[in-house]
Amino acid sequence: MNDAARLHKRTLTVGIALGVLGLLVLLVGDYLLLQYGAVSFQASNGFFFFLTRLSAIGSVALLPFSAALVSAALVMKYWDKRLQALGAPDEDDDAGPDLH
């Protein structure tokens, strides 16, 4: 398996993992905020302040970044298949396409 195939598979895996994490934070975040959240910036414990910030970041940053990674992986896979169909040489292949 070449590096391009591994790259788009890894990108897709990371994108899906971030999406699941973002969805989990979005679904469970309200419950955790009601139980343990820091209401003010003068939180008595750093963990509760961190938990509050993490739940705010979950819906704002994780889900759009996940969507960007998944779409980038799909575009990379499409262009990898398209270039293979056109007969472009692999990166491991020393010889170019046969022109005769």
PDB file of N, CA and C in Angstrom:
ATOM      1  N   MET A   1       0.859  -1.178   0.000  1.00  0.00           N
ATOM      2  CA  MET A   1       0.000   0.000   0.000  1.00  0.00           C
ATOM      3  C   MET A   1       0.900   1.234   0.000  1.00  0.00           C
ATOM      4  N   ASN A   2       0.648   2.160  -0.906  1.00  0.00           N
ATOM      5  CA  ASN A   2       1.504   3.341  -1.010  1.00  0.00           C
ATOM      6  C   ASN A   2       1.134   4.378   0.049  1.00  0.00           C
ATOM      7  N   ASP A   3       1.960   5.421   0.123  1.00  0.00           N
ATOM      8  CA  ASP A   3       1.767   6.441   1.151  1.00  0.00           C
ATOM      9  C   ASP A   3       0.483   7.236   0.945  1.00  0.00           C
ATOM     10  N   ALA A   4       0.080   7.442  -0.308  1.00  0.00           N
ATOM     11  CA  ALA A   4      -1.142   8.214  -0.570  1.00  0.00           C
ATOM     12  C   ALA A   4      -2.370   7.483  -0.049  1.00  0.00           C
ATOM     13  N   ALA A   5      -2.410   6.175  -0.225  1.00  0.00           N
ATOM     14  CA  ALA A   5      -3.550   5.402   0.270  1.00  0.00           C
ATOM     15  C   ALA A   5      -3.586   5.421   1.792  1.00  0.00           C
ATOM     16  N   ARG A   6      -2.426   5.324   2.400  1.00  0.00           N
ATOM     17  CA  ARG A   6      -2.385   5.382   3.864  1.00  0.00           C
ATOM     18  C   ARG A   6      -2.755   6.759   4.366  1.00  0.00           C
ATOM     19  N   LEU A   7      -2.380   7.798   3.628  1.00  0.00           N
ATOM     20  CA  LEU A   7      -2.669   9.155   4.074  1.00  0.00           C
ATOM     21  C   LEU A   7      -4.165   9.430   4.074  1.00  0.00           C
ATOM     22  N   HIS A   8      -4.877   9.052   3.003  1.00  0.00           N
ATOM     23  CA  HIS A   8      -6.306   9.347   3.009  1.00  0.00           C
ATOM     24  C   HIS A   8      -7.065   8.437   3.967  1.00  0.00           C
ATOM     25  N   LYS A   9      -6.575   7.221   4.209  1.00  0.00           N
ATOM     26  CA  LYS A   9      -7.217   6.374   5.216  1.00  0.00           C
ATOM     27  C   LYS A   9      -7.001   6.932   6.620  1.00  0.00           C
ATOM     28  N   ARG A  10      -5.799   7.415   6.881  1.00  0.00           N
ATOM     29  CA  ARG A  10      -5.514   8.009   8.182  1.00  0.00           C
ATOM     30  C   ARG A  10      -6.306   9.297   8.384  1.00  0.00           C
ATOM     31  N   THR A  11      -6.407  10.107   7.336  1.00  0.00           N
ATOM     32  CA  THR A  11      -7.177  11.346   7.419  1.00  0.00           C
ATOM     33  C   THR A  11      -8.646  11.052   7.665  1.00  0.00           C
ATOM     34  N   LEU A  12      -9.182  10.046   6.984  1.00  0.00           N
ATOM     35  CA  LEU A  12     -10.573   9.664   7.184  1.00  0.00           C
ATOM     36  C   LEU A  12     -10.796   9.139   8.601  1.00  0.00           C
ATOM     37  N   THR A  13      -9.873   8.339   9.112  1.00  0.00           N
ATOM     38  CA  THR A  13     -10.002   7.800  10.462  1.00  0.00           C
ATOM     39  C   THR A  13      -9.966   8.903  11.507  1.00  0.00           C
ATOM     40  N   VAL A  14      -9.057   9.840  11.358  1.00  0.00           N
ATOM     41  CA  VAL A  14      -8.966  10.950  12.312  1.00  0.00           C
ATOM     42  C   VAL A  14     -10.203  11.838  12.214  1.00  0.00           C
ATOM     43  N   GLY A  15     -10.697  12.067  11.014  1.00  0.00           N
ATOM     44  CA  GLY A  15     -11.905  12.866  10.842  1.00  0.00           C
ATOM     45  C   GLY A  15     -13.119  12.224  11.487  1.00  0.00           C
ATOM     46  N   ILE A  16     -13.263  10.916  11.325  1.00  0.00           N
ATOM     47  CA  ILE A  16     -14.384  10.214  11.954  1.00  0.00           C
ATOM     48  C   ILE A  16     -14.236  10.220  13.466  1.00  0.00           C
ATOM     49  N   ALA A  17     -13.020  10.020  13.962  1.00  0.00           N
ATOM     50  CA  ALA A  17     -12.800  10.033  15.411  1.00  0.00           C
ATOM     51  C   ALA A  17     -13.118  11.405  16.012  1.00  0.00           C
ATOM     52  N   LEU A  18     -12.703  12.465  15.332  1.00  0.00           N
ATOM     53  CA  LEU A  18     -13.034  13.810  15.826  1.00  0.00           C
ATOM     54  C   LEU A  18     -14.531  14.067  15.770  1.00  0.00           C
ATOM     55  N   GLY A  19     -15.201  13.546  14.758  1.00  0.00           N
ATOM     56  CA  GLY A  19     -16.644  13.696  14.669  1.00  0.00           C
ATOM     57  C   GLY A  19     -17.369  12.975  15.793  1.00  0.00           C
ATOM     58  N   VAL A  20     -16.915  11.758  16.103  1.00  0.00           N
ATOM     59  CA  VAL A  20     -17.519  11.012  17.210  1.00  0.00           C
ATOM     60  C   VAL A  20     -17.255  11.721  18.528  1.00  0.00           C
ATOM     61  N   LEU A  21     -16.039  12.211  18.720  1.00  0.00           N
ATOM     62  CA  LEU A  21     -15.716  12.944  19.943  1.00  0.00           C
ATOM     63  C   LEU A  21     -16.533  14.223  20.055  1.00  0.00           C
ATOM     64  N   GLY A  22     -16.670  14.944  18.953  1.00  0.00           N
ATOM     65  CA  GLY A  22     -17.475  16.165  18.958  1.00  0.00           C
ATOM     66  C   GLY A  22     -18.930  15.888  19.243  1.00  0.00           C
ATOM     67  N   LEU A  23     -19.465  14.815  18.665  1.00  0.00           N
ATOM     68  CA  LEU A  23     -20.853  14.446  18.915  1.00  0.00           C
ATOM     69  C   LEU A  23     -21.048  14.015  20.365  1.00  0.00           C
ATOM     70  N   LEU A  24     -20.087  13.278  20.894  1.00  0.00           N
ATOM     71  CA  LEU A  24     -20.153  12.858  22.292  1.00  0.00           C
ATOM     72  C   LEU A  24     -20.115  14.054  23.236  1.00  0.00           C
ATOM     73  N   VAL A  25     -19.225  14.996  22.957  1.00  0.00           N
ATOM     74  CA  VAL A  25     -19.150  16.206  23.781  1.00  0.00           C
ATOM     75  C   VAL A  25     -20.434  17.009  23.652  1.00  0.00           C
ATOM     76  N   LEU A  26     -20.997  17.056  22.470  1.00  0.00           N
ATOM     77  CA  LEU A  26     -22.236  17.800  22.259  1.00  0.00           C
ATOM     78  C   LEU A  26     -23.407  17.168  22.998  1.00  0.00           C
ATOM     79  N   LEU A  27     -23.483  15.835  22.986  1.00  0.00           N
ATOM     80  CA  LEU A  27     -24.595  15.149  23.639  1.00  0.00           C
ATOM     81  C   LEU A  27     -24.455  15.103  25.158  1.00  0.00           C
ATOM     82  N   VAL A  28     -23.263  14.863  25.655  1.00  0.00           N
ATOM     83  CA  VAL A  28     -23.056  14.684  27.089  1.00  0.00           C
ATOM     84  C   VAL A  28     -22.642  15.991  27.762  1.00  0.00           C
ATOM     85  N   GLY A  29     -22.268  16.986  26.978  1.00  0.00           N
ATOM     86  CA  GLY A  29     -21.745  18.229  27.537  1.00  0.00           C
ATOM     87  C   GLY A  29     -22.723  18.961  28.433  1.00  0.00           C
ATOM     88  N   ASP A  30     -23.998  19.000  28.048  1.00  0.00           N
ATOM     89  CA  ASP A  30     -24.973  19.709  28.876  1.00  0.00           C
ATOM     90  C   ASP A  30     -25.133  19.055  30.245  1.00  0.00           C
ATOM     91  N   TYR A  31     -25.184  17.740  30.264  1.00  0.00           N
ATOM     92  CA  TYR A  31     -25.299  17.035  31.540  1.00  0.00           C
ATOM     93  C   TYR A  31     -24.084  17.294  32.422  1.00  0.00           C
ATOM     94  N   LEU A  32     -22.903  17.218  31.812  1.00  0.00           N
ATOM     95  CA  LEU A  32     -21.686  17.444  32.593  1.00  0.00           C
ATOM     96  C   LEU A  32     -21.591  18.888  33.082  1.00  0.00           C
ATOM     97  N   LEU A  33     -22.045  19.836  32.270  1.00  0.00           N
ATOM     98  CA  LEU A  33     -22.025  21.233  32.702  1.00  0.00           C
ATOM     99  C   LEU A  33     -22.975  21.482  33.861  1.00  0.00           C
ATOM    100  N   LEU A  34     -24.136  20.847  33.810  1.00  0.00           N
ATOM    101  CA  LEU A  34     -25.082  21.025  34.912  1.00  0.00           C
ATOM    102  C   LEU A  34     -24.546  20.428  36.209  1.00  0.00           C
ATOM    103  N   GLN A  35     -23.814  19.338  36.110  1.00  0.00           N
ATOM    104  CA  GLN A  35     -23.303  18.679  37.303  1.00  0.00           C
ATOM    105  C   GLN A  35     -21.969  19.266  37.782  1.00  0.00           C
ATOM    106  N   TYR A  36     -21.064  19.530  36.836  1.00  0.00           N
ATOM    107  CA  TYR A  36     -19.692  19.863  37.220  1.00  0.00           C
ATOM    108  C   TYR A  36     -19.159  21.143  36.601  1.00  0.00           C
ATOM    109  N   GLY A  37     -19.937  21.841  35.825  1.00  0.00           N
ATOM    110  CA  GLY A  37     -19.431  22.974  35.068  1.00  0.00           C
ATOM    111  C   GLY A  37     -19.071  24.174  35.921  1.00  0.00           C
ATOM    112  N   ALA A  38     -18.136  24.949  35.434  1.00  0.00           N
ATOM    113  CA  ALA A  38     -17.730  26.186  36.088  1.00  0.00           C
ATOM    114  C   ALA A  38     -18.543  27.321  35.483  1.00  0.00           C
ATOM    115  N   VAL A  39     -19.274  28.023  36.307  1.00  0.00           N
ATOM    116  CA  VAL A  39     -20.158  29.069  35.820  1.00  0.00           C
ATOM    117  C   VAL A  39     -19.391  30.367  35.577  1.00  0.00           C
ATOM    118  N   SER A  40     -18.369  30.612  36.360  1.00  0.00           N
ATOM    119  CA  SER A  40     -17.595  31.839  36.212  1.00  0.00           C
ATOM    120  C   SER A  40     -16.166  31.501  35.822  1.00  0.00           C
ATOM    121  N   PHE A  41     -15.415  32.527  35.472  1.00  0.00           N
ATOM    122  CA  PHE A  41     -14.017  32.303  35.118  1.00  0.00           C
ATOM    123  C   PHE A  41     -13.153  32.096  36.348  1.00  0.00           C
ATOM    124  N   GLN A  42     -13.688  32.322  37.520  1.00  0.00           N
ATOM    125  CA  GLN A  42     -12.947  32.100  38.767  1.00  0.00           C
ATOM    126  C   GLN A  42     -13.329  30.744  39.338  1.00  0.00           C
ATOM    127  N   ALA A  43     -13.126  29.723  38.556  1.00  0.00           N
ATOM    128  CA  ALA A  43     -13.493  28.371  38.974  1.00  0.00           C
ATOM    129  C   ALA A  43     -12.597  27.925  40.119  1.00  0.00           C
ATOM    130  N   SER A  44     -13.181  27.185  41.035  1.00  0.00           N
ATOM    131  CA  SER A  44     -12.417  26.737  42.191  1.00  0.00           C
ATOM    132  C   SER A  44     -11.453  25.622  41.828  1.00  0.00           C
ATOM    133  N   ASN A  45     -11.737  24.908  40.759  1.00  0.00           N
ATOM    134  CA  ASN A  45     -10.887  23.812  40.346  1.00  0.00           C
ATOM    135  C   ASN A  45     -10.604  23.951  38.847  1.00  0.00           C
ATOM    136  N   GLY A  46      -9.377  23.738  38.458  1.00  0.00           N
ATOM    137  CA  GLY A  46      -8.995  23.855  37.056  1.00  0.00           C
ATOM    138  C   GLY A  46      -9.664  22.827  36.164  1.00  0.00           C
ATOM    139  N   PHE A  47      -9.944  21.641  36.723  1.00  0.00           N
ATOM    140  CA  PHE A  47     -10.587  20.593  35.932  1.00  0.00           C
ATOM    141  C   PHE A  47     -11.983  21.019  35.477  1.00  0.00           C
ATOM    142  N   PHE A  48     -12.754  21.622  36.359  1.00  0.00           N
ATOM    143  CA  PHE A  48     -14.111  22.034  36.009  1.00  0.00           C
ATOM    144  C   PHE A  48     -14.095  23.160  34.976  1.00  0.00           C
ATOM    145  N   PHE A  49     -13.129  24.050  35.096  1.00  0.00           N
ATOM    146  CA  PHE A  49     -12.988  25.108  34.088  1.00  0.00           C
ATOM    147  C   PHE A  49     -12.623  24.499  32.731  1.00  0.00           C
ATOM    148  N   PHE A  50     -11.705  23.526  32.742  1.00  0.00           N
ATOM    149  CA  PHE A  50     -11.312  22.839  31.514  1.00  0.00           C
ATOM    150  C   PHE A  50     -12.499  22.095  30.908  1.00  0.00           C
ATOM    151  N   LEU A  51     -13.302  21.451  31.734  1.00  0.00           N
ATOM    152  CA  LEU A  51     -14.475  20.735  31.261  1.00  0.00           C
ATOM    153  C   LEU A  51     -15.475  21.681  30.604  1.00  0.00           C
ATOM    154  N   THR A  52     -15.638  22.853  31.182  1.00  0.00           N
ATOM    155  CA  THR A  52     -16.545  23.841  30.610  1.00  0.00           C
ATOM    156  C   THR A  52     -16.047  24.320  29.255  1.00  0.00           C
ATOM    157  N   ARG A  53     -14.762  24.598  29.147  1.00  0.00           N
ATOM    158  CA  ARG A  53     -14.187  25.049  27.873  1.00  0.00           C
ATOM    159  C   ARG A  53     -14.244  23.936  26.823  1.00  0.00           C
ATOM    160  N   LEU A  54     -14.012  22.698  27.242  1.00  0.00           N
ATOM    161  CA  LEU A  54     -14.051  21.577  26.303  1.00  0.00           C
ATOM    162  C   LEU A  54     -15.448  21.395  25.726  1.00  0.00           C
ATOM    163  N   SER A  55     -16.463  21.556  26.539  1.00  0.00           N
ATOM    164  CA  SER A  55     -17.824  21.406  26.020  1.00  0.00           C
ATOM    165  C   SER A  55     -18.183  22.545  25.076  1.00  0.00           C
ATOM    166  N   ALA A  56     -17.617  23.725  25.300  1.00  0.00           N
ATOM    167  CA  ALA A  56     -17.865  24.841  24.382  1.00  0.00           C
ATOM    168  C   ALA A  56     -17.144  24.630  23.053  1.00  0.00           C
ATOM    169  N   ILE A  57     -15.968  24.048  23.103  1.00  0.00           N
ATOM    170  CA  ILE A  57     -15.189  23.801  21.889  1.00  0.00           C
ATOM    171  C   ILE A  57     -15.779  22.656  21.081  1.00  0.00           C
ATOM    172  N   GLY A  58     -16.449  21.731  21.752  1.00  0.00           N
ATOM    173  CA  GLY A  58     -16.983  20.542  21.073  1.00  0.00           C
ATOM    174  C   GLY A  58     -17.883  20.853  19.911  1.00  0.00           C
ATOM    175  N   SER A  59     -18.799  21.763  20.104  1.00  0.00           N
ATOM    176  CA  SER A  59     -19.728  22.050  19.016  1.00  0.00           C
ATOM    177  C   SER A  59     -19.171  23.074  18.037  1.00  0.00           C
ATOM    178  N   VAL A  60     -18.257  23.897  18.483  1.00  0.00           N
ATOM    179  CA  VAL A  60     -17.755  24.974  17.633  1.00  0.00           C
ATOM    180  C   VAL A  60     -16.589  24.519  16.758  1.00  0.00           C
ATOM    181  N   ALA A  61     -15.703  23.700  17.287  1.00  0.00           N
ATOM    182  CA  ALA A  61     -14.488  23.380  16.547  1.00  0.00           C
ATOM    183  C   ALA A  61     -14.397  21.934  16.083  1.00  0.00           C
ATOM    184  N   LEU A  62     -14.802  20.986  16.904  1.00  0.00           N
ATOM    185  CA  LEU A  62     -14.568  19.590  16.552  1.00  0.00           C
ATOM    186  C   LEU A  62     -15.405  19.129  15.364  1.00  0.00           C
ATOM    187  N   LEU A  63     -16.657  19.478  15.327  1.00  0.00           N
ATOM    188  CA  LEU A  63     -17.515  18.993  14.241  1.00  0.00           C
ATOM    189  C   LEU A  63     -17.162  19.591  12.877  1.00  0.00           C
ATOM    190  N   PRO A  64     -16.943  20.904  12.758  1.00  0.00           N
ATOM    191  CA  PRO A  64     -16.533  21.419  11.437  1.00  0.00           C
ATOM    192  C   PRO A  64     -15.151  20.915  10.998  1.00  0.00           C
ATOM    193  N   PHE A  65     -14.218  20.782  11.946  1.00  0.00           N
ATOM    194  CA  PHE A  65     -12.896  20.276  11.588  1.00  0.00           C
ATOM    195  C   PHE A  65     -12.983  18.816  11.178  1.00  0.00           C
ATOM    196  N   SER A  66     -13.858  18.059  11.813  1.00  0.00           N
ATOM    197  CA  SER A  66     -14.077  16.674  11.424  1.00  0.00           C
ATOM    198  C   SER A  66     -14.633  16.594  10.010  1.00  0.00           C
ATOM    199  N   ALA A  67     -15.602  17.437   9.712  1.00  0.00           N
ATOM    200  CA  ALA A  67     -16.180  17.445   8.363  1.00  0.00           C
ATOM    201  C   ALA A  67     -15.130  17.823   7.316  1.00  0.00           C
ATOM    202  N   ALA A  68     -14.246  18.752   7.656  1.00  0.00           N
ATOM    203  CA  ALA A  68     -13.187  19.142   6.717  1.00  0.00           C
ATOM    204  C   ALA A  68     -12.214  17.992   6.478  1.00  0.00           C
ATOM    205  N   LEU A  69     -11.863  17.257   7.520  1.00  0.00           N
ATOM    206  CA  LEU A  69     -10.944  16.132   7.352  1.00  0.00           C
ATOM    207  C   LEU A  69     -11.575  14.998   6.544  1.00  0.00           C
ATOM    208  N   VAL A  70     -12.833  14.699   6.811  1.00  0.00           N
ATOM    209  CA  VAL A  70     -13.503  13.631   6.064  1.00  0.00           C
ATOM    210  C   VAL A  70     -13.630  14.017   4.589  1.00  0.00           C
ATOM    211  N   SER A  71     -14.000  15.254   4.321  1.00  0.00           N
ATOM    212  CA  SER A  71     -14.122  15.666   2.917  1.00  0.00           C
ATOM    213  C   SER A  71     -12.758  15.697   2.228  1.00  0.00           C
ATOM    214  N   ALA A  72     -11.712  16.096   2.939  1.00  0.00           N
ATOM    215  CA  ALA A  72     -10.369  16.072   2.354  1.00  0.00           C
ATOM    216  C   ALA A  72      -9.934  14.643   2.042  1.00  0.00           C
ATOM    217  N   ALA A  73     -10.272  13.705   2.915  1.00  0.00           N
ATOM    218  CA  ALA A  73      -9.928  12.306   2.668  1.00  0.00           C
ATOM    219  C   ALA A  73     -10.656  11.764   1.449  1.00  0.00           C
ATOM    220  N   LEU A  74     -11.925  12.149   1.294  1.00  0.00           N
ATOM    221  CA  LEU A  74     -12.672  11.692   0.128  1.00  0.00           C
ATOM    222  C   LEU A  74     -12.122  12.286  -1.167  1.00  0.00           C
ATOM    223  N   VAL A  75     -11.707  13.541  -1.129  1.00  0.00           N
ATOM    224  CA  VAL A  75     -11.109  14.171  -2.308  1.00  0.00           C
ATOM    225  C   VAL A  75      -9.776  13.511  -2.646  1.00  0.00           C
ATOM    226  N   MET A  76      -8.967  13.216  -1.617  1.00  0.00           N
ATOM    227  CA  MET A  76      -7.685  12.543  -1.863  1.00  0.00           C
ATOM    228  C   MET A  76      -7.893  11.166  -2.467  1.00  0.00           C
ATOM    229  N   LYS A  77      -8.893  10.441  -1.959  1.00  0.00           N
ATOM    230  CA  LYS A  77      -9.170   9.107  -2.505  1.00  0.00           C
ATOM    231  C   LYS A  77      -9.650   9.199  -3.948  1.00  0.00           C
ATOM    232  N   TYR A  78     -10.506  10.177  -4.238  1.00  0.00           N
ATOM    233  CA  TYR A  78     -11.000  10.367  -5.603  1.00  0.00           C
ATOM    234  C   TYR A  78      -9.850  10.649  -6.560  1.00  0.00           C
ATOM    235  N   TRP A  79      -8.964  11.574  -6.195  1.00  0.00           N
ATOM    236  CA  TRP A  79      -7.874  11.919  -7.101  1.00  0.00           C
ATOM    237  C   TRP A  79      -6.847  10.801  -7.216  1.00  0.00           C
ATOM    238  N   ASP A  80      -6.676  10.014  -6.155  1.00  0.00           N
ATOM    239  CA  ASP A  80      -5.777   8.877  -6.234  1.00  0.00           C
ATOM    240  C   ASP A  80      -6.314   7.851  -7.228  1.00  0.00           C
ATOM    241  N   LYS A  81      -7.608   7.567  -7.147  1.00  0.00           N
ATOM    242  CA  LYS A  81      -8.224   6.622  -8.096  1.00  0.00           C
ATOM    243  C   LYS A  81      -8.214   7.177  -9.518  1.00  0.00           C
ATOM    244  N   ARG A  82      -8.461   8.459  -9.644  1.00  0.00           N
ATOM    245  CA  ARG A  82      -8.489   9.090 -10.977  1.00  0.00           C
ATOM    246  C   ARG A  82      -7.109   9.048 -11.634  1.00  0.00           C
ATOM    247  N   LEU A  83      -6.068   9.337 -10.857  1.00  0.00           N
ATOM    248  CA  LEU A  83      -4.715   9.301 -11.419  1.00  0.00           C
ATOM    249  C   LEU A  83      -4.286   7.881 -11.753  1.00  0.00           C
ATOM    250  N   GLN A  84      -4.724   6.909 -10.961  1.00  0.00           N
ATOM    251  CA  GLN A  84      -4.405   5.520 -11.284  1.00  0.00           C
ATOM    252  C   GLN A  84      -5.111   5.089 -12.569  1.00  0.00           C
ATOM    253  N   ALA A  85      -6.325   5.566 -12.779  1.00  0.00           N
ATOM    254  CA  ALA A  85      -7.056   5.218 -13.993  1.00  0.00           C
ATOM    255  C   ALA A  85      -6.432   5.849 -15.233  1.00  0.00           C
ATOM    256  N   LEU A  86      -5.811   7.016 -15.072  1.00  0.00           N
ATOM    257  CA  LEU A  86      -5.162   7.672 -16.199  1.00  0.00           C
ATOM    258  C   LEU A  86      -3.794   7.075 -16.514  1.00  0.00           C
ATOM    259  N   GLY A  87      -3.319   6.202 -15.650  1.00  0.00           N
ATOM    260  CA  GLY A  87      -2.038   5.554 -15.892  1.00  0.00           C
ATOM    261  C   GLY A  87      -0.857   6.321 -15.366  1.00  0.00           C
ATOM    262  N   ALA A  88      -1.062   7.189 -14.415  1.00  0.00           N
ATOM    263  CA  ALA A  88       0.055   7.910 -13.816  1.00  0.00           C
ATOM    264  C   ALA A  88       0.885   6.932 -12.995  1.00  0.00           C
ATOM    265  N   PRO A  89       2.190   7.108 -12.999  1.00  0.00           N
ATOM    266  CA  PRO A  89       3.037   6.172 -12.258  1.00  0.00           C
ATOM    267  C   PRO A  89       2.876   6.363 -10.757  1.00  0.00           C
ATOM    268  N   ASP A  90       3.054   5.267 -10.031  1.00  0.00           N
ATOM    269  CA  ASP A  90       3.064   5.357  -8.578  1.00  0.00           C
ATOM    270  C   ASP A  90       4.332   6.049  -8.126  1.00  0.00           C
ATOM    271  N   GLU A  91       4.347   6.491  -6.878  1.00  0.00           N
ATOM    272  CA  GLU A  91       5.548   7.147  -6.362  1.00  0.00           C
ATOM    273  C   GLU A  91       6.703   6.163  -6.242  1.00  0.00           C
ATOM    274  N   ASP A  92       6.374   4.874  -6.031  1.00  0.00           N
ATOM    275  CA  ASP A  92       7.415   3.862  -5.890  1.00  0.00           C
ATOM    276  C   ASP A  92       7.963   3.409  -7.237  1.00  0.00           C
ATOM    277  N   ASP A  93       7.237   3.691  -8.311  1.00  0.00           N
ATOM    278  CA  ASP A  93       7.616   3.251  -9.643  1.00  0.00           C
ATOM    279  C   ASP A  93       8.651   4.216 -10.231  1.00  0.00           C
ATOM    280  N   ASP A  94       9.797   3.688 -10.680  1.00  0.00           N
ATOM    281  CA  ASP A  94      10.843   4.550 -11.234  1.00  0.00           C
ATOM    282  C   ASP A  94      10.547   4.936 -12.687  1.00  0.00           C
ATOM    283  N   ALA A  95       9.920   4.054 -13.430  1.00  0.00           N
ATOM    284  CA  ALA A  95       9.655   4.325 -14.838  1.00  0.00           C
ATOM    285  C   ALA A  95       8.354   5.102 -14.977  1.00  0.00           C
ATOM    286  N   GLY A  96       8.300   5.957 -15.966  1.00  0.00           N
ATOM    287  CA  GLY A  96       7.097   6.712 -16.244  1.00  0.00           C
ATOM    288  C   GLY A  96       6.104   5.884 -17.024  1.00  0.00           C
ATOM    289  N   PRO A  97       5.006   6.472 -17.451  1.00  0.00           N
ATOM    290  CA  PRO A  97       4.026   5.718 -18.247  1.00  0.00           C
ATOM    291  C   PRO A  97       4.599   5.361 -19.608  1.00  0.00           C
ATOM    292  N   ASP A  98       4.157   4.242 -20.134  1.00  0.00           N
ATOM    293  CA  ASP A  98       4.615   3.777 -21.421  1.00  0.00           C
ATOM    294  C   ASP A  98       3.936   4.604 -22.520  1.00  0.00           C
ATOM    295  N   LEU A  99       4.741   5.339 -23.293  1.00  0.00           N
ATOM    296  CA  LEU A  99       4.198   6.231 -24.298  1.00  0.00           C
ATOM    297  C   LEU A  99       4.104   5.592 -25.665  1.00  0.00           C
ATOM    298  N   HIS A 100       4.660   4.404 -25.868  1.00  0.00           N
ATOM    299  CA  HIS A 100       4.664   3.749 -27.188  1.00  0.00           C
ATOM    300  C   HIS A 100       3.538   2.773 -27.303  1.00  0.00           C
TER     301      HIS A 100
END
